[in-house]
Amino acid sequence: FGSMVVKQIAGLVARRILCYAKKNKKMLVGDRLGFIRFGSRTDIILPDRVTLSVELDQKVYGGQTIIGKYEV
């Protein structure tokens, strides 16, 4: 699919993030990135060829929500 950037940003209060991924390590579809708790967030920066399937401020769930589709 190409390179994607994922940022996990800790919330102000609890600051709870667990990240299993390693910098510059290739990941496969379905691999576990990690998880966040208590108001933290994850930002995903995708290539231009990804057509988004989600709306702004939509709640997404790991392993369930399709974020976008890669156009070949």
PDB file of N, CA and C in Angstrom:
ATOM      1  N   PHE A   1       0.815  -1.204   0.000  1.00  0.00           N
ATOM      2  CA  PHE A   1       0.000   0.000   0.000  1.00  0.00           C
ATOM      3  C   PHE A   1       0.851   1.257   0.000  1.00  0.00           C
ATOM      4  N   GLY A   2       2.080   1.159   0.441  1.00  0.00           N
ATOM      5  CA  GLY A   2       2.927   2.329   0.569  1.00  0.00           C
ATOM      6  C   GLY A   2       3.090   2.708   2.027  1.00  0.00           C
ATOM      7  N   SER A   3       3.719   3.845   2.251  1.00  0.00           N
ATOM      8  CA  SER A   3       3.979   4.288   3.618  1.00  0.00           C
ATOM      9  C   SER A   3       2.765   4.991   4.207  1.00  0.00           C
ATOM     10  N   MET A   4       2.546   4.738   5.474  1.00  0.00           N
ATOM     11  CA  MET A   4       1.501   5.403   6.236  1.00  0.00           C
ATOM     12  C   MET A   4       2.120   5.838   7.552  1.00  0.00           C
ATOM     13  N   VAL A   5       1.684   6.968   8.057  1.00  0.00           N
ATOM     14  CA  VAL A   5       2.202   7.478   9.320  1.00  0.00           C
ATOM     15  C   VAL A   5       1.091   7.377  10.360  1.00  0.00           C
ATOM     16  N   VAL A   6       1.427   6.826  11.511  1.00  0.00           N
ATOM     17  CA  VAL A   6       0.468   6.710  12.610  1.00  0.00           C
ATOM     18  C   VAL A   6       1.080   7.386  13.830  1.00  0.00           C
ATOM     19  N   LYS A   7       0.320   8.306  14.437  1.00  0.00           N
ATOM     20  CA  LYS A   7       0.774   8.980  15.658  1.00  0.00           C
ATOM     21  C   LYS A   7      -0.211   8.666  16.773  1.00  0.00           C
ATOM     22  N   GLN A   8       0.298   8.216  17.890  1.00  0.00           N
ATOM     23  CA  GLN A   8      -0.539   8.030  19.067  1.00  0.00           C
ATOM     24  C   GLN A   8      -0.247   9.200  19.998  1.00  0.00           C
ATOM     25  N   ILE A   9      -1.284   9.947  20.345  1.00  0.00           N
ATOM     26  CA  ILE A   9      -1.124  11.164  21.130  1.00  0.00           C
ATOM     27  C   ILE A   9      -1.824  10.983  22.477  1.00  0.00           C
ATOM     28  N   ALA A  10      -1.067  11.114  23.548  1.00  0.00           N
ATOM     29  CA  ALA A  10      -1.604  10.902  24.894  1.00  0.00           C
ATOM     30  C   ALA A  10      -2.527  12.038  25.294  1.00  0.00           C
ATOM     31  N   GLY A  11      -3.583  11.701  26.021  1.00  0.00           N
ATOM     32  CA  GLY A  11      -4.494  12.696  26.556  1.00  0.00           C
ATOM     33  C   GLY A  11      -3.849  13.461  27.707  1.00  0.00           C
ATOM     34  N   LEU A  12      -4.443  14.574  28.058  1.00  0.00           N
ATOM     35  CA  LEU A  12      -3.872  15.428  29.102  1.00  0.00           C
ATOM     36  C   LEU A  12      -3.961  14.820  30.495  1.00  0.00           C
ATOM     37  N   VAL A  13      -5.019  14.056  30.756  1.00  0.00           N
ATOM     38  CA  VAL A  13      -5.248  13.576  32.112  1.00  0.00           C
ATOM     39  C   VAL A  13      -4.521  12.260  32.394  1.00  0.00           C
ATOM     40  N   ALA A  14      -4.881  11.204  31.694  1.00  0.00           N
ATOM     41  CA  ALA A  14      -4.381   9.873  32.054  1.00  0.00           C
ATOM     42  C   ALA A  14      -3.079   9.492  31.361  1.00  0.00           C
ATOM     43  N   ARG A  15      -2.848   9.994  30.163  1.00  0.00           N
ATOM     44  CA  ARG A  15      -1.627   9.731  29.404  1.00  0.00           C
ATOM     45  C   ARG A  15      -1.326   8.234  29.286  1.00  0.00           C
ATOM     46  N   ARG A  16      -2.303   7.479  28.794  1.00  0.00           N
ATOM     47  CA  ARG A  16      -2.167   6.029  28.692  1.00  0.00           C
ATOM     48  C   ARG A  16      -2.098   5.570  27.238  1.00  0.00           C
ATOM     49  N   ILE A  17      -0.916   5.187  26.786  1.00  0.00           N
ATOM     50  CA  ILE A  17      -0.718   4.656  25.440  1.00  0.00           C
ATOM     51  C   ILE A  17       0.182   3.430  25.545  1.00  0.00           C
ATOM     52  N   LEU A  18      -0.191   2.372  24.836  1.00  0.00           N
ATOM     53  CA  LEU A  18       0.673   1.205  24.687  1.00  0.00           C
ATOM     54  C   LEU A  18       0.868   0.982  23.192  1.00  0.00           C
ATOM     55  N   CYS A  19       2.092   1.008  22.731  1.00  0.00           N
ATOM     56  CA  CYS A  19       2.390   0.863  21.314  1.00  0.00           C
ATOM     57  C   CYS A  19       3.242  -0.379  21.099  1.00  0.00           C
ATOM     58  N   TYR A  20       2.737  -1.306  20.291  1.00  0.00           N
ATOM     59  CA  TYR A  20       3.470  -2.540  19.996  1.00  0.00           C
ATOM     60  C   TYR A  20       4.346  -2.391  18.751  1.00  0.00           C
ATOM     61  N   ALA A  21       4.016  -1.443  17.882  1.00  0.00           N
ATOM     62  CA  ALA A  21       4.749  -1.261  16.627  1.00  0.00           C
ATOM     63  C   ALA A  21       6.118  -0.642  16.899  1.00  0.00           C
ATOM     64  N   LYS A  22       7.037  -0.892  16.003  1.00  0.00           N
ATOM     65  CA  LYS A  22       8.381  -0.329  16.091  1.00  0.00           C
ATOM     66  C   LYS A  22       8.621   0.584  14.893  1.00  0.00           C
ATOM     67  N   LYS A  23       9.379   1.644  15.100  1.00  0.00           N
ATOM     68  CA  LYS A  23       9.665   2.617  14.049  1.00  0.00           C
ATOM     69  C   LYS A  23      10.321   1.934  12.845  1.00  0.00           C
ATOM     70  N   ASN A  24       9.822   2.266  11.653  1.00  0.00           N
ATOM     71  CA  ASN A  24      10.310   1.758  10.364  1.00  0.00           C
ATOM     72  C   ASN A  24      10.152   0.245  10.185  1.00  0.00           C
ATOM     73  N   LYS A  25       9.347  -0.398  11.019  1.00  0.00           N
ATOM     74  CA  LYS A  25       9.081  -1.823  10.871  1.00  0.00           C
ATOM     75  C   LYS A  25       7.857  -1.997   9.977  1.00  0.00           C
ATOM     76  N   LYS A  26       7.944  -2.888   8.998  1.00  0.00           N
ATOM     77  CA  LYS A  26       6.807  -3.155   8.131  1.00  0.00           C
ATOM     78  C   LYS A  26       5.756  -3.922   8.908  1.00  0.00           C
ATOM     79  N   MET A  27       4.498  -3.566   8.649  1.00  0.00           N
ATOM     80  CA  MET A  27       3.385  -4.242   9.301  1.00  0.00           C
ATOM     81  C   MET A  27       2.463  -4.802   8.235  1.00  0.00           C
ATOM     82  N   LEU A  28       1.767  -5.853   8.557  1.00  0.00           N
ATOM     83  CA  LEU A  28       0.817  -6.474   7.647  1.00  0.00           C
ATOM     84  C   LEU A  28      -0.596  -6.063   8.026  1.00  0.00           C
ATOM     85  N   VAL A  29      -1.514  -6.204   7.082  1.00  0.00           N
ATOM     86  CA  VAL A  29      -2.910  -5.921   7.360  1.00  0.00           C
ATOM     87  C   VAL A  29      -3.355  -6.788   8.534  1.00  0.00           C
ATOM     88  N   GLY A  30      -3.977  -6.180   9.514  1.00  0.00           N
ATOM     89  CA  GLY A  30      -4.468  -6.908  10.678  1.00  0.00           C
ATOM     90  C   GLY A  30      -3.495  -6.968  11.839  1.00  0.00           C
ATOM     91  N   ASP A  31      -2.246  -6.533  11.646  1.00  0.00           N
ATOM     92  CA  ASP A  31      -1.298  -6.512  12.754  1.00  0.00           C
ATOM     93  C   ASP A  31      -1.763  -5.535  13.827  1.00  0.00           C
ATOM     94  N   ARG A  32      -1.456  -5.842  15.063  1.00  0.00           N
ATOM     95  CA  ARG A  32      -1.843  -4.970  16.173  1.00  0.00           C
ATOM     96  C   ARG A  32      -0.818  -3.855  16.333  1.00  0.00           C
ATOM     97  N   LEU A  33      -1.303  -2.633  16.301  1.00  0.00           N
ATOM     98  CA  LEU A  33      -0.446  -1.467  16.448  1.00  0.00           C
ATOM     99  C   LEU A  33      -0.218  -1.147  17.920  1.00  0.00           C
ATOM    100  N   GLY A  34      -1.231  -1.315  18.714  1.00  0.00           N
ATOM    101  CA  GLY A  34      -1.193  -0.967  20.128  1.00  0.00           C
ATOM    102  C   GLY A  34      -2.584  -0.509  20.535  1.00  0.00           C
ATOM    103  N   PHE A  35      -2.695   0.168  21.655  1.00  0.00           N
ATOM    104  CA  PHE A  35      -3.994   0.737  22.018  1.00  0.00           C
ATOM    105  C   PHE A  35      -3.817   1.961  22.898  1.00  0.00           C
ATOM    106  N   ILE A  36      -4.894   2.739  22.958  1.00  0.00           N
ATOM    107  CA  ILE A  36      -4.887   3.972  23.734  1.00  0.00           C
ATOM    108  C   ILE A  36      -6.080   3.947  24.683  1.00  0.00           C
ATOM    109  N   ARG A  37      -5.974   4.734  25.758  1.00  0.00           N
ATOM    110  CA  ARG A  37      -7.049   4.773  26.749  1.00  0.00           C
ATOM    111  C   ARG A  37      -7.263   6.191  27.236  1.00  0.00           C
ATOM    112  N   PHE A  38      -8.447   6.427  27.769  1.00  0.00           N
ATOM    113  CA  PHE A  38      -8.746   7.635  28.540  1.00  0.00           C
ATOM    114  C   PHE A  38      -8.470   8.953  27.821  1.00  0.00           C
ATOM    115  N   GLY A  39      -9.106   9.156  26.670  1.00  0.00           N
ATOM    116  CA  GLY A  39      -9.026  10.450  26.009  1.00  0.00           C
ATOM    117  C   GLY A  39      -7.827  10.668  25.122  1.00  0.00           C
ATOM    118  N   SER A  40      -6.988   9.667  24.960  1.00  0.00           N
ATOM    119  CA  SER A  40      -5.875   9.789  24.026  1.00  0.00           C
ATOM    120  C   SER A  40      -6.419   9.602  22.612  1.00  0.00           C
ATOM    121  N   ARG A  41      -5.596   9.838  21.594  1.00  0.00           N
ATOM    122  CA  ARG A  41      -6.089   9.696  20.223  1.00  0.00           C
ATOM    123  C   ARG A  41      -4.997   9.149  19.323  1.00  0.00           C
ATOM    124  N   THR A  42      -5.430   8.683  18.155  1.00  0.00           N
ATOM    125  CA  THR A  42      -4.517   8.193  17.135  1.00  0.00           C
ATOM    126  C   THR A  42      -4.776   8.950  15.848  1.00  0.00           C
ATOM    127  N   ASP A  43      -3.732   9.526  15.258  1.00  0.00           N
ATOM    128  CA  ASP A  43      -3.821  10.192  13.958  1.00  0.00           C
ATOM    129  C   ASP A  43      -3.188   9.273  12.927  1.00  0.00           C
ATOM    130  N   ILE A  44      -3.853   9.129  11.764  1.00  0.00           N
ATOM    131  CA  ILE A  44      -3.334   8.293  10.681  1.00  0.00           C
ATOM    132  C   ILE A  44      -3.194   9.175   9.444  1.00  0.00           C
ATOM    133  N   ILE A  45      -2.001   9.201   8.873  1.00  0.00           N
ATOM    134  CA  ILE A  45      -1.754   9.970   7.658  1.00  0.00           C
ATOM    135  C   ILE A  45      -1.585   8.954   6.532  1.00  0.00           C
ATOM    136  N   LEU A  46      -2.539   8.972   5.593  1.00  0.00           N
ATOM    137  CA  LEU A  46      -2.607   7.972   4.536  1.00  0.00           C
ATOM    138  C   LEU A  46      -2.133   8.531   3.203  1.00  0.00           C
ATOM    139  N   PRO A  47      -1.711   7.650   2.272  1.00  0.00           N
ATOM    140  CA  PRO A  47      -1.338   8.099   0.933  1.00  0.00           C
ATOM    141  C   PRO A  47      -2.544   8.693   0.196  1.00  0.00           C
ATOM    142  N   ASP A  48      -2.268   9.493  -0.849  1.00  0.00           N
ATOM    143  CA  ASP A  48      -3.337  10.122  -1.635  1.00  0.00           C
ATOM    144  C   ASP A  48      -4.263   9.118  -2.301  1.00  0.00           C
ATOM    145  N   ARG A  49      -3.774   7.929  -2.558  1.00  0.00           N
ATOM    146  CA  ARG A  49      -4.572   6.927  -3.278  1.00  0.00           C
ATOM    147  C   ARG A  49      -5.584   6.196  -2.396  1.00  0.00           C
ATOM    148  N   VAL A  50      -5.735   6.609  -1.156  1.00  0.00           N
ATOM    149  CA  VAL A  50      -6.719   5.992  -0.265  1.00  0.00           C
ATOM    150  C   VAL A  50      -7.990   6.838  -0.274  1.00  0.00           C
ATOM    151  N   THR A  51      -9.114   6.218  -0.623  1.00  0.00           N
ATOM    152  CA  THR A  51     -10.411   6.883  -0.579  1.00  0.00           C
ATOM    153  C   THR A  51     -11.015   6.621   0.790  1.00  0.00           C
ATOM    154  N   LEU A  52     -11.280   7.684   1.545  1.00  0.00           N
ATOM    155  CA  LEU A  52     -11.770   7.533   2.917  1.00  0.00           C
ATOM    156  C   LEU A  52     -13.200   7.024   2.958  1.00  0.00           C
ATOM    157  N   SER A  53     -13.482   6.178   3.943  1.00  0.00           N
ATOM    158  CA  SER A  53     -14.817   5.625   4.167  1.00  0.00           C
ATOM    159  C   SER A  53     -15.407   6.113   5.479  1.00  0.00           C
ATOM    160  N   VAL A  54     -14.714   7.002   6.169  1.00  0.00           N
ATOM    161  CA  VAL A  54     -15.187   7.510   7.457  1.00  0.00           C
ATOM    162  C   VAL A  54     -15.433   9.012   7.362  1.00  0.00           C
ATOM    163  N   GLU A  55     -16.195   9.519   8.295  1.00  0.00           N
ATOM    164  CA  GLU A  55     -16.519  10.942   8.371  1.00  0.00           C
ATOM    165  C   GLU A  55     -15.727  11.593   9.503  1.00  0.00           C
ATOM    166  N   LEU A  56     -15.608  12.896   9.451  1.00  0.00           N
ATOM    167  CA  LEU A  56     -14.943  13.661  10.502  1.00  0.00           C
ATOM    168  C   LEU A  56     -15.645  13.424  11.833  1.00  0.00           C
ATOM    169  N   ASP A  57     -14.877  13.197  12.880  1.00  0.00           N
ATOM    170  CA  ASP A  57     -15.360  12.954  14.247  1.00  0.00           C
ATOM    171  C   ASP A  57     -16.108  11.629  14.425  1.00  0.00           C
ATOM    172  N   GLN A  58     -16.074  10.740  13.432  1.00  0.00           N
ATOM    173  CA  GLN A  58     -16.707   9.426  13.573  1.00  0.00           C
ATOM    174  C   GLN A  58     -15.865   8.573  14.502  1.00  0.00           C
ATOM    175  N   LYS A  59     -16.493   7.830  15.383  1.00  0.00           N
ATOM    176  CA  LYS A  59     -15.777   6.902  16.253  1.00  0.00           C
ATOM    177  C   LYS A  59     -15.479   5.638  15.453  1.00  0.00           C
ATOM    178  N   VAL A  60     -14.226   5.188  15.485  1.00  0.00           N
ATOM    179  CA  VAL A  60     -13.833   3.979  14.764  1.00  0.00           C
ATOM    180  C   VAL A  60     -13.363   2.929  15.755  1.00  0.00           C
ATOM    181  N   TYR A  61     -13.479   1.668  15.348  1.00  0.00           N
ATOM    182  CA  TYR A  61     -13.127   0.551  16.219  1.00  0.00           C
ATOM    183  C   TYR A  61     -12.114  -0.342  15.511  1.00  0.00           C
ATOM    184  N   GLY A  62     -10.997  -0.637  16.175  1.00  0.00           N
ATOM    185  CA  GLY A  62      -9.945  -1.472  15.598  1.00  0.00           C
ATOM    186  C   GLY A  62     -10.453  -2.843  15.218  1.00  0.00           C
ATOM    187  N   GLY A  63     -10.128  -3.263  14.006  1.00  0.00           N
ATOM    188  CA  GLY A  63     -10.536  -4.578  13.530  1.00  0.00           C
ATOM    189  C   GLY A  63     -11.970  -4.629  13.046  1.00  0.00           C
ATOM    190  N   GLN A  64     -12.700  -3.498  13.112  1.00  0.00           N
ATOM    191  CA  GLN A  64     -14.103  -3.474  12.699  1.00  0.00           C
ATOM    192  C   GLN A  64     -14.389  -2.402  11.655  1.00  0.00           C
ATOM    193  N   THR A  65     -13.922  -1.179  11.900  1.00  0.00           N
ATOM    194  CA  THR A  65     -14.244  -0.058  11.035  1.00  0.00           C
ATOM    195  C   THR A  65     -13.284  -0.003   9.846  1.00  0.00           C
ATOM    196  N   ILE A  66     -13.835   0.092   8.644  1.00  0.00           N
ATOM    197  CA  ILE A  66     -13.016   0.289   7.448  1.00  0.00           C
ATOM    198  C   ILE A  66     -12.776   1.783   7.310  1.00  0.00           C
ATOM    199  N   ILE A  67     -11.516   2.196   7.401  1.00  0.00           N
ATOM    200  CA  ILE A  67     -11.165   3.615   7.361  1.00  0.00           C
ATOM    201  C   ILE A  67     -11.132   4.125   5.926  1.00  0.00           C
ATOM    202  N   GLY A  68     -10.633   3.308   5.001  1.00  0.00           N
ATOM    203  CA  GLY A  68     -10.559   3.714   3.611  1.00  0.00           C
ATOM    204  C   GLY A  68     -10.199   2.547   2.723  1.00  0.00           C
ATOM    205  N   LYS A  69     -10.284   2.806   1.430  1.00  0.00           N
ATOM    206  CA  LYS A  69      -9.935   1.782   0.451  1.00  0.00           C
ATOM    207  C   LYS A  69      -8.837   2.294  -0.447  1.00  0.00           C
ATOM    208  N   TYR A  70      -7.862   1.443  -0.696  1.00  0.00           N
ATOM    209  CA  TYR A  70      -6.700   1.772  -1.519  1.00  0.00           C
ATOM    210  C   TYR A  70      -7.076   1.596  -2.978  1.00  0.00           C
ATOM    211  N   GLU A  71      -6.880   2.655  -3.773  1.00  0.00           N
ATOM    212  CA  GLU A  71      -7.179   2.588  -5.202  1.00  0.00           C
ATOM    213  C   GLU A  71      -5.921   2.166  -5.940  1.00  0.00           C
ATOM    214  N   VAL A  72      -6.045   1.131  -6.757  1.00  0.00           N
ATOM    215  CA  VAL A  72      -4.916   0.594  -7.512  1.00  0.00           C
ATOM    216  C   VAL A  72      -4.676   1.422  -8.756  1.00  0.00           C
TER     217      VAL A  72
END
